[in-house]
Protein backbone atom coordinates (compact mmCIF):
# COMPACT_ATOMS: atom_id res chain seq x y z
CA MET A 1 135.71 49.77 -3.81
CA ASP A 2 133.95 51.90 -1.19
CA LYS A 3 133.84 51.33 2.55
CA ARG A 4 130.77 49.16 2.19
CA GLY A 5 132.66 47.01 -0.32
CA ASN A 6 135.60 46.73 2.07
CA LYS A 7 133.31 45.56 4.87
CA GLU A 8 131.72 42.99 2.60
CA PHE A 9 135.17 41.75 1.60
CA ASP A 10 136.37 41.62 5.21
CA SER A 11 133.38 39.54 6.27
CA GLY A 12 133.67 37.23 3.26
CA PHE A 13 135.33 33.90 2.68
CA ILE A 14 138.79 35.27 1.84
CA HIS A 15 139.03 37.29 5.03
CA LYS A 16 137.85 34.36 7.14
CA PHE A 17 140.25 32.02 5.34
CA PHE A 18 143.25 34.33 5.87
CA LYS A 19 142.22 34.70 9.50
CA LEU A 20 143.01 31.00 10.01
CA PHE A 21 146.68 31.60 9.26
CA THR A 22 147.52 35.20 10.19
CA ASP A 23 146.28 38.31 11.97
CA ILE A 24 144.53 40.06 9.10
CA ARG A 25 142.70 43.30 9.85
CA PRO A 26 139.86 45.29 8.24
CA GLY A 27 140.78 46.69 4.83
CA GLU A 28 143.70 44.30 4.26
CA ALA A 29 142.13 41.19 2.71
CA GLY A 30 141.78 42.53 -0.84
CA THR A 31 145.36 43.67 -1.37
CA ALA A 32 146.79 40.66 0.49
CA LEU A 33 144.84 38.35 -1.81
CA LEU A 34 146.01 40.17 -4.94
CA LEU A 35 149.66 40.09 -3.81
CA THR A 36 149.39 36.40 -2.93
CA LEU A 37 147.91 35.66 -6.34
CA ASN A 38 150.58 37.76 -8.03
CA ILE A 39 153.56 35.94 -6.49
CA TYR A 40 151.76 32.61 -7.00
CA LEU A 41 151.60 33.29 -10.74
CA ILE A 42 155.18 34.58 -10.89
CA LEU A 43 156.57 31.43 -9.25
CA GLY A 44 154.29 29.20 -11.30
CA ALA A 45 155.60 30.80 -14.49
CA TYR A 46 159.19 30.59 -13.27
CA TYR A 47 159.05 26.89 -12.41
CA ILE A 48 157.89 26.08 -15.93
CA ILE A 49 160.86 28.08 -17.21
CA LYS A 50 163.16 26.45 -14.64
CA ILE A 51 162.36 22.90 -15.75
CA VAL A 52 163.00 23.83 -19.40
CA ARG A 53 166.24 25.56 -18.34
CA ASP A 54 167.61 22.63 -16.32
CA SER A 55 166.51 19.97 -18.81
CA SER A 56 168.19 21.69 -21.75
CA ILE A 57 171.47 22.51 -19.98
CA LEU A 58 171.89 19.11 -18.32
CA THR A 59 171.08 17.22 -21.54
CA GLU A 60 173.51 19.19 -23.70
CA TRP A 61 176.30 20.17 -21.30
CA GLY A 62 176.07 18.43 -17.92
CA PRO A 63 176.05 19.49 -14.25
CA GLU A 64 179.62 20.87 -14.21
CA THR A 65 178.80 23.41 -16.88
CA LYS A 66 175.65 24.32 -14.97
CA SER A 67 177.73 25.08 -11.85
CA TYR A 68 180.34 27.12 -13.71
CA LEU A 69 177.70 29.22 -15.52
CA TYR A 70 176.72 30.71 -12.17
CA GLY A 71 180.03 32.57 -12.23
CA VAL A 72 179.12 34.15 -15.58
CA ILE A 73 175.66 35.01 -14.24
CA SER A 74 177.10 36.74 -11.17
CA ILE A 75 179.27 38.97 -13.35
CA LEU A 76 176.37 39.81 -15.66
CA LEU A 77 174.18 40.65 -12.66
CA ILE A 78 176.52 43.53 -11.80
CA PHE A 79 175.49 45.22 -15.05
CA VAL A 80 171.85 44.14 -14.70
CA ILE A 81 171.60 45.77 -11.26
CA LYS A 82 173.24 48.96 -12.52
CA ALA A 83 170.72 49.12 -15.37
CA PHE A 84 167.83 48.37 -12.99
CA SER A 85 168.97 51.13 -10.63
CA TYR A 86 169.30 53.58 -13.51
CA ILE A 87 165.78 52.89 -14.81
CA SER A 88 164.17 52.89 -11.36
CA SER A 89 165.53 56.40 -10.75
CA ARG A 90 163.67 57.68 -13.79
CA VAL A 91 160.28 55.96 -13.88
CA PRO A 92 157.57 55.33 -11.24
CA ARG A 93 157.46 51.93 -9.59
CA GLN A 94 154.40 50.57 -11.46
CA LYS A 95 155.98 51.45 -14.83
CA LEU A 96 159.30 49.99 -13.71
CA ILE A 97 157.69 46.64 -12.89
CA ALA A 98 155.62 46.66 -16.09
CA TRP A 99 158.58 47.46 -18.36
CA VAL A 100 160.90 44.91 -16.77
CA THR A 101 158.23 42.20 -16.94
CA LEU A 102 157.34 43.07 -20.55
CA PHE A 103 161.01 42.77 -21.47
CA PHE A 104 161.13 39.21 -20.12
CA ILE A 105 157.80 38.35 -21.78
CA SER A 106 159.18 39.48 -25.15
CA ASN A 107 162.24 37.27 -24.59
CA LEU A 108 160.05 34.23 -23.91
CA ILE A 109 158.16 34.84 -27.14
CA ILE A 110 161.45 35.09 -29.06
CA PHE A 111 162.74 31.80 -27.61
CA SER A 112 159.47 30.06 -28.53
CA VAL A 113 159.46 31.49 -32.07
CA LEU A 114 163.05 30.40 -32.64
CA ASN A 115 162.05 26.87 -31.72
CA LEU A 116 158.99 27.01 -34.01
CA PHE A 117 161.26 27.96 -36.93
CA GLY A 118 163.30 24.82 -36.39
CA ILE A 119 166.25 26.21 -34.45
CA PRO A 120 167.23 23.46 -31.98
CA PHE A 121 167.00 24.60 -28.37
CA SER A 122 170.33 22.87 -27.77
CA THR A 123 172.07 25.63 -29.73
CA ILE A 124 170.82 28.31 -27.34
CA SER A 125 170.69 26.28 -24.12
CA ILE A 126 173.54 28.22 -22.46
CA ILE A 127 172.02 31.58 -23.38
CA PHE A 128 168.63 30.44 -22.11
CA PHE A 129 170.11 29.14 -18.85
CA ILE A 130 171.79 32.49 -18.15
CA TRP A 131 168.66 34.41 -19.15
CA ALA A 132 166.34 32.26 -16.98
CA SER A 133 168.61 32.60 -13.95
CA ILE A 134 168.63 36.40 -14.29
CA PHE A 135 164.85 36.43 -14.83
CA ASN A 136 164.33 34.47 -11.61
CA VAL A 137 166.19 36.78 -9.29
CA VAL A 138 165.17 40.11 -10.91
CA VAL A 139 161.42 39.55 -11.23
CA ILE A 140 161.03 38.03 -7.77
CA ALA A 141 163.22 40.72 -6.18
CA GLN A 142 161.16 43.53 -7.72
CA PHE A 143 157.92 41.90 -6.51
CA TRP A 144 159.13 41.85 -2.92
CA GLY A 145 160.42 45.40 -3.26
CA PHE A 146 156.89 46.37 -4.35
CA ALA A 147 155.33 44.48 -1.40
CA ASN A 148 157.77 46.13 1.03
CA ASP A 149 156.83 49.52 -0.39
CA ILE A 150 153.13 48.89 0.23
CA TYR A 151 153.18 47.75 3.85
CA THR A 152 154.43 49.22 7.09
CA GLU A 153 156.71 47.04 9.22
CA GLY A 154 153.85 45.96 11.47
CA ALA A 155 151.52 45.07 8.60
CA GLY A 156 154.31 43.30 6.72
CA LYS A 157 155.11 41.08 9.69
CA ARG A 158 151.50 39.96 9.80
CA LEU A 159 150.80 39.62 6.08
CA PHE A 160 154.08 38.52 4.48
CA PRO A 161 153.70 34.93 5.75
CA ILE A 162 150.42 34.41 3.88
CA ILE A 163 151.68 36.26 0.78
CA ALA A 164 154.83 34.13 0.74
CA PHE A 165 152.65 31.00 0.78
CA GLY A 166 151.60 32.06 -2.70
CA ALA A 167 155.23 31.71 -3.78
CA THR A 168 155.58 28.25 -2.21
CA PHE A 169 152.34 27.00 -3.72
CA GLY A 170 153.18 28.60 -7.07
CA ALA A 171 156.46 26.66 -7.26
CA PHE A 172 154.58 23.43 -6.60
CA SER A 173 151.86 24.28 -9.14
CA GLY A 174 154.30 25.23 -11.89
CA SER A 175 156.09 21.89 -11.58
CA TYR A 176 152.78 19.99 -11.57
CA ILE A 177 151.39 21.86 -14.59
CA PHE A 178 154.57 21.23 -16.56
CA LYS A 179 154.37 17.50 -15.88
CA ARG A 180 150.71 17.37 -16.93
CA ILE A 181 150.79 19.30 -20.22
CA GLN A 182 154.33 19.06 -21.59
CA ASN A 183 153.47 16.10 -23.86
CA TRP A 184 150.44 17.95 -25.21
CA MET A 185 152.05 21.32 -25.89
CA GLY A 186 155.73 20.50 -26.13
CA MET A 187 158.38 21.52 -23.64
CA TYR A 188 159.51 24.73 -25.33
CA GLN A 189 156.06 25.98 -26.30
CA LEU A 190 155.20 25.95 -22.60
CA LEU A 191 157.29 29.11 -22.45
CA LEU A 192 154.32 30.87 -24.06
CA VAL A 193 152.21 29.79 -21.09
CA SER A 194 154.71 31.48 -18.79
CA ALA A 195 154.61 34.60 -20.97
CA ALA A 196 150.81 34.77 -20.73
CA VAL A 197 150.89 34.29 -16.95
CA LEU A 198 153.43 37.09 -16.56
CA GLY A 199 151.11 39.34 -18.58
CA ILE A 200 148.41 38.73 -15.95
CA CYS A 201 150.96 39.69 -13.27
CA ILE A 202 151.42 43.11 -14.87
CA VAL A 203 147.67 43.70 -14.66
CA LEU A 204 147.59 42.58 -11.02
CA THR A 205 150.45 44.94 -10.13
CA TYR A 206 148.57 47.84 -11.72
CA VAL A 207 145.39 47.00 -9.80
CA ILE A 208 147.28 46.75 -6.49
CA HIS A 209 149.03 50.04 -7.15
CA LYS A 210 145.72 51.81 -7.86
CA ARG A 211 144.10 50.33 -4.74
CA GLU A 212 146.87 51.76 -2.61
CA ILE A 213 146.86 55.16 -4.25
CA MET A 214 143.10 55.40 -3.76
CA GLY A 215 143.49 54.66 -0.07
CA LYS A 216 142.24 51.08 -0.15
CA VAL A 217 145.13 49.58 1.76
CA GLU A 218 146.07 49.87 5.40
CA THR A 219 148.86 52.46 5.55
CA GLY A 220 149.26 52.53 9.31
CA THR A 221 149.94 56.30 9.22
CA ASP A 222 148.04 59.57 9.36
CA THR A 223 149.62 60.78 6.13
CA PRO A 224 147.07 62.53 3.87
CA LEU A 225 146.04 60.50 0.82
CA LYS A 226 147.28 63.18 -1.59
CA GLU A 227 150.74 63.07 -0.06
CA ILE A 228 150.83 59.25 -0.18
CA SER A 229 149.78 59.29 -3.83
CA THR A 230 152.41 61.84 -4.83
CA ASP A 231 155.19 59.97 -3.03
CA LYS A 232 154.35 56.59 -4.53
CA GLU A 233 154.08 57.97 -8.07
CA LYS A 234 157.58 59.46 -7.96
CA PRO A 235 160.60 57.66 -9.45
CA LEU A 236 163.21 56.58 -6.95
CA LYS A 237 166.12 58.81 -6.00
CA LYS A 238 169.37 58.47 -7.91
CA GLY A 239 171.97 55.98 -6.73
CA GLY A 240 172.98 52.40 -7.49
CA GLY A 241 171.97 49.28 -5.58
CA PHE A 242 175.54 48.24 -4.81
CA LYS A 243 176.38 51.68 -3.48
CA LEU A 244 173.43 51.50 -1.10
CA VAL A 245 174.46 48.04 0.13
CA PHE A 246 178.04 49.02 0.90
CA LYS A 247 177.01 52.36 2.39
CA LYS A 248 174.88 50.91 5.19
CA ARG A 249 175.95 48.19 7.65
CA TYR A 250 172.48 46.74 7.96
CA LEU A 251 172.19 46.18 4.21
CA LEU A 252 175.71 44.80 3.92
CA TYR A 253 175.08 42.30 6.72
CA ILE A 254 171.89 41.14 5.00
CA ALA A 255 173.73 40.76 1.68
CA LEU A 256 176.46 38.63 3.27
CA PHE A 257 173.80 36.67 5.17
CA VAL A 258 172.08 35.81 1.86
CA LEU A 259 175.42 34.84 0.30
CA LEU A 260 176.14 32.39 3.12
CA LEU A 261 172.57 31.08 3.06
CA ASN A 262 172.90 30.10 -0.58
CA LEU A 263 176.44 28.76 -0.18
CA ILE A 264 175.45 26.43 2.66
CA ASN A 265 172.27 25.34 0.89
CA THR A 266 174.06 24.61 -2.38
CA ASN A 267 176.82 22.71 -0.57
CA GLY A 268 174.11 20.63 1.09
CA GLY A 269 172.54 19.92 -2.29
CA TYR A 270 175.90 18.72 -3.57
CA ILE A 271 176.24 16.40 -0.56
CA LEU A 272 172.81 14.93 -1.29
CA ASP A 273 173.69 14.49 -5.00
CA ARG A 274 176.85 12.58 -4.18
CA VAL A 275 175.25 10.36 -1.55
CA ILE A 276 172.28 9.31 -3.72
CA LYS A 277 174.48 8.75 -6.77
CA ASN A 278 176.85 6.52 -4.80
CA ARG A 279 173.91 4.59 -3.34
CA ALA A 280 172.39 4.11 -6.80
CA LEU A 281 175.67 2.86 -8.24
CA GLU A 282 176.12 0.43 -5.35
CA SER A 283 172.57 -0.92 -5.77
CA VAL A 284 172.99 -1.52 -9.51
CA GLN A 285 176.41 -3.15 -9.09
CA ALA A 286 175.15 -5.39 -6.27
CA GLY A 287 172.08 -6.43 -8.26
CA THR A 288 169.65 -5.11 -5.65
CA ALA A 289 168.12 -2.35 -7.80
CA GLY A 290 165.19 -4.45 -8.99
CA GLY A 291 166.09 -3.91 -12.63
CA LEU A 292 166.21 -0.11 -12.32
CA SER A 293 169.01 1.93 -13.83
CA VAL A 294 171.08 4.49 -11.92
CA GLU A 295 169.12 7.28 -13.62
CA GLN A 296 165.78 5.73 -12.64
CA ILE A 297 166.85 5.27 -9.01
CA ILE A 298 167.99 8.87 -8.74
CA GLY A 299 164.84 10.14 -10.48
CA SER A 300 162.58 8.15 -8.15
CA PHE A 301 164.47 9.39 -5.10
CA TYR A 302 164.24 13.04 -6.07
CA SER A 303 160.56 12.71 -6.91
CA ASP A 304 159.89 11.58 -3.33
CA PHE A 305 162.32 14.13 -1.91
CA TYR A 306 160.66 17.12 -3.61
CA ILE A 307 157.22 15.98 -2.49
CA ILE A 308 158.39 15.84 1.14
CA MET A 309 160.23 19.16 0.85
CA ASN A 310 157.32 21.05 -0.73
CA LEU A 311 154.74 19.65 1.69
CA LEU A 312 156.96 20.64 4.61
CA ALA A 313 157.50 24.13 3.18
CA MET A 314 153.77 24.66 2.68
CA PHE A 315 152.98 23.44 6.21
CA ILE A 316 155.57 25.77 7.76
CA GLN A 317 154.39 28.70 5.64
CA LEU A 318 150.72 28.26 6.49
CA PHE A 319 150.83 27.29 10.14
CA LEU A 320 154.14 28.41 11.66
CA VAL A 321 155.61 31.48 9.98
CA SER A 322 152.94 34.01 11.02
CA ARG A 323 152.92 32.62 14.56
CA ILE A 324 156.71 32.81 14.83
CA PHE A 325 156.59 36.42 13.62
CA LYS A 326 153.80 37.26 16.06
CA TRP A 327 155.12 35.48 19.17
CA PHE A 328 158.89 35.78 18.71
CA GLY A 329 159.45 38.42 16.03
CA ILE A 330 161.57 38.71 12.90
CA ARG A 331 164.77 38.97 14.92
CA THR A 332 164.27 35.48 16.36
CA ALA A 333 163.17 34.07 13.00
CA VAL A 334 166.57 35.05 11.55
CA PHE A 335 168.30 32.35 13.62
CA ILE A 336 166.01 29.34 13.12
CA LEU A 337 167.41 28.12 9.78
CA PRO A 338 171.08 28.71 10.72
CA PHE A 339 170.65 26.58 13.83
CA ILE A 340 168.81 23.87 11.86
CA ALA A 341 171.73 23.85 9.41
CA LEU A 342 174.30 23.79 12.22
CA GLY A 343 172.69 20.80 13.92
CA GLY A 344 171.89 19.02 10.67
CA TYR A 345 175.37 19.17 9.21
CA PHE A 346 176.82 18.13 12.56
CA PHE A 347 174.88 14.85 12.29
CA ILE A 348 175.89 14.45 8.62
CA SER A 349 179.57 14.96 9.52
CA MET A 350 179.30 11.97 11.88
CA GLY A 351 178.18 9.73 9.03
CA ALA A 352 176.45 10.71 5.81
CA SER A 353 173.85 7.96 5.38
CA LEU A 354 171.23 8.54 2.71
CA LEU A 355 168.34 8.57 5.20
CA ILE A 356 170.00 11.18 7.44
CA VAL A 357 171.02 13.44 4.54
CA LYS A 358 167.59 13.14 2.91
CA TRP A 359 165.60 14.27 5.96
CA ILE A 360 168.04 16.93 7.09
CA LYS A 361 168.15 18.44 3.60
CA ALA A 362 164.35 18.30 3.34
CA ALA A 363 164.08 20.13 6.68
CA GLU A 364 166.66 22.71 5.59
CA ASN A 365 165.07 23.37 2.20
CA GLY A 366 161.53 23.35 3.57
CA THR A 367 162.47 25.93 6.20
CA ASP A 368 164.46 27.99 3.69
CA TYR A 369 161.65 28.20 1.13
CA SER A 370 159.10 29.17 3.79
CA LEU A 371 160.27 30.81 7.02
CA MET A 372 163.67 32.09 5.89
CA ASN A 373 162.36 33.28 2.54
CA THR A 374 159.67 35.35 4.31
CA THR A 375 162.10 36.59 6.97
CA ARG A 376 164.74 37.93 4.62
CA HIS A 377 162.08 39.83 2.65
CA ALA A 378 160.60 41.21 5.88
CA LEU A 379 164.02 42.54 6.96
CA PHE A 380 163.61 45.25 4.31
CA LEU A 381 160.36 46.57 5.79
CA ILE A 382 162.28 49.16 7.83
CA THR A 383 164.41 50.41 4.92
CA SER A 384 163.87 53.37 2.59
CA ARG A 385 162.06 53.09 -0.77
CA GLU A 386 165.37 53.20 -2.67
CA GLU A 387 166.76 50.42 -0.48
CA LYS A 388 163.61 48.32 -0.89
CA TYR A 389 163.99 48.29 -4.67
CA LYS A 390 167.66 48.84 -5.50
CA ALA A 391 169.58 47.39 -2.53
CA LYS A 392 167.17 44.47 -2.28
CA ALA A 393 167.54 43.72 -5.98
CA ALA A 394 171.34 43.72 -5.59
CA THR A 395 171.09 41.41 -2.57
CA ASP A 396 168.63 38.98 -4.12
CA THR A 397 170.52 38.79 -7.40
CA PHE A 398 174.28 39.34 -7.22
CA PHE A 399 174.91 38.32 -3.61
CA HIS A 400 172.57 35.35 -3.90
CA ARG A 401 174.40 34.09 -6.98
CA ALA A 402 177.76 34.83 -5.36
CA GLY A 403 176.95 31.93 -3.02
CA ASP A 404 176.61 29.67 -6.08
CA VAL A 405 179.92 30.90 -7.46
CA THR A 406 181.70 30.21 -4.16
CA HIS A 407 180.22 26.71 -4.15
CA SER A 408 181.45 26.14 -7.72
CA LEU A 409 184.99 27.12 -6.71
CA ILE A 410 184.87 24.78 -3.72
CA VAL A 411 183.68 21.89 -5.89
CA PHE A 412 186.36 22.66 -8.51
CA LEU A 413 189.16 22.71 -5.92
CA TRP A 414 188.04 20.08 -3.40
CA ALA A 415 185.45 17.69 -4.82
CA GLN A 416 187.84 15.02 -6.04
CA PHE A 417 189.94 15.07 -2.88
CA ILE A 418 187.48 15.02 0.04
CA VAL A 419 184.53 12.96 1.24
CA VAL A 420 181.05 14.35 1.85
CA GLU A 421 181.53 14.35 5.62
CA THR A 422 184.26 16.95 5.13
CA PHE A 423 181.85 19.11 3.12
CA ALA A 424 179.48 18.85 6.08
CA LYS A 425 182.21 20.03 8.46
CA PHE A 426 182.87 22.99 6.18
CA ASN A 427 179.17 23.82 6.33
CA ILE A 428 179.31 23.72 10.13
CA ILE A 429 181.99 26.43 10.08
CA MET A 430 179.97 28.48 7.61
CA ALA A 431 176.83 28.06 9.76
CA LEU A 432 178.68 29.50 12.76
CA VAL A 433 179.70 32.54 10.69
CA TRP A 434 176.11 32.73 9.49
CA ILE A 435 174.85 32.91 13.08
CA VAL A 436 177.32 35.70 13.88
CA LEU A 437 175.99 37.66 10.90
CA GLY A 438 172.50 37.07 12.27
CA PHE A 439 173.44 38.75 15.54
CA LEU A 440 174.90 41.71 13.61
CA ILE A 441 171.68 42.05 11.59
CA VAL A 442 169.56 41.93 14.75
CA ARG A 443 171.71 44.60 16.38
CA GLU A 444 171.32 46.96 13.42
CA HIS A 445 167.61 46.13 13.11
CA LYS A 446 167.10 47.21 16.73
CA LYS A 447 168.96 50.48 16.13
CA ILE A 448 166.93 51.36 13.05
CA SER A 449 163.61 50.37 14.65
CA LEU A 450 164.40 52.40 17.77
CA LYS A 451 165.33 55.43 15.69
CA GLU A 452 162.03 55.23 13.78
CA THR A 453 159.95 55.03 16.96
CA GLN A 454 161.59 58.06 18.58
CA PRO A 455 159.60 61.30 18.22
CA GLN A 456 161.02 63.71 15.66
CA PRO A 457 161.95 67.22 16.91
CA ALA A 458 159.58 69.97 15.90
CA GLU A 459 160.82 72.22 13.15
């Protein structure tokens, strides 16, 4: 696309539409649209996989097994990240993303073929659950590493909110598509739909990469095009993701921040599960359920809950995130969800009624999947290329799942001895630690940003 094409794009519908939600500038609409579409398709494909994953594991093994499998996944992710770091040090980024995605596509085809040949999915439900959980964190982490590599910090702050909306809307769309066509295609053959969608994502990544190399994105620097092209085509430097995380305070603080985020969120989900299950049992036993079973009451509740949560997440993503970034900055955005969690679990600890837990958890999840999701990706804008891919992958995979493992241990040790209000009090303590980590991240973020803005001495 030449300059005339860029101007036509900037004055078109997409540019005007993006302008409603963020500060988009000339030359940015095309790549922003492609990245938004890319993450939309990735999350749409994943949510189809996720429903198959959860349905198969819960039907055959139950929720306890599901919780304990996260421990296995966390251990496996250590080796996955080492392999990812090894490959990324030897191939350019576009080939890295293509190869990793093709690997997962081939796996989806294998799972579907096994089912076509009459092998019951129940026999491989545990393997599929582990595989799907690894797929989720690896593919999404490498997308955001790619997006971080494209944009400068300033451009990322402006454009990540609208790109992240693609993820939120993709999650909603994947769930909706599954519900509409599962009876027509069959639950497990829908995996082929996900495989096809991921194939489109590979093409989109290639197109975005070529646009940048040809100078069709806003770089925000005076670096010659030839130098930009050479740098982006190179494989990453040697070194593992875990080594990078533990080597730098800023990265370690982010990793621990993500661990606590997922621990608090998963604890909150457990609180909601227990409260709604107890309410459903009480309604059935008292004869006030209107003929509904416990399963039907819980299913109806969660249907309404997810609608509220997703609508809230999409509203925050479209109308608030970019404005918070613009008016208050990423450093302020870091604290919004921790303080929502702190206040929310304080109210739950005073009395865990279903109405209170429902709306507080909807607010927490809606903010997490929109503002906090965008914020934690944007924190990597000031890091090196190796850190954007390797350290971020380690953070978004191993440390994220480590929060699930910690939750599983807490449930195993405490669940049968304490009431949900006590879980809420535990989350209050964790939220305070979370806020302290936020201050440490902000301090390091300021140091790194200040260092980058200082003029470099002449050689």
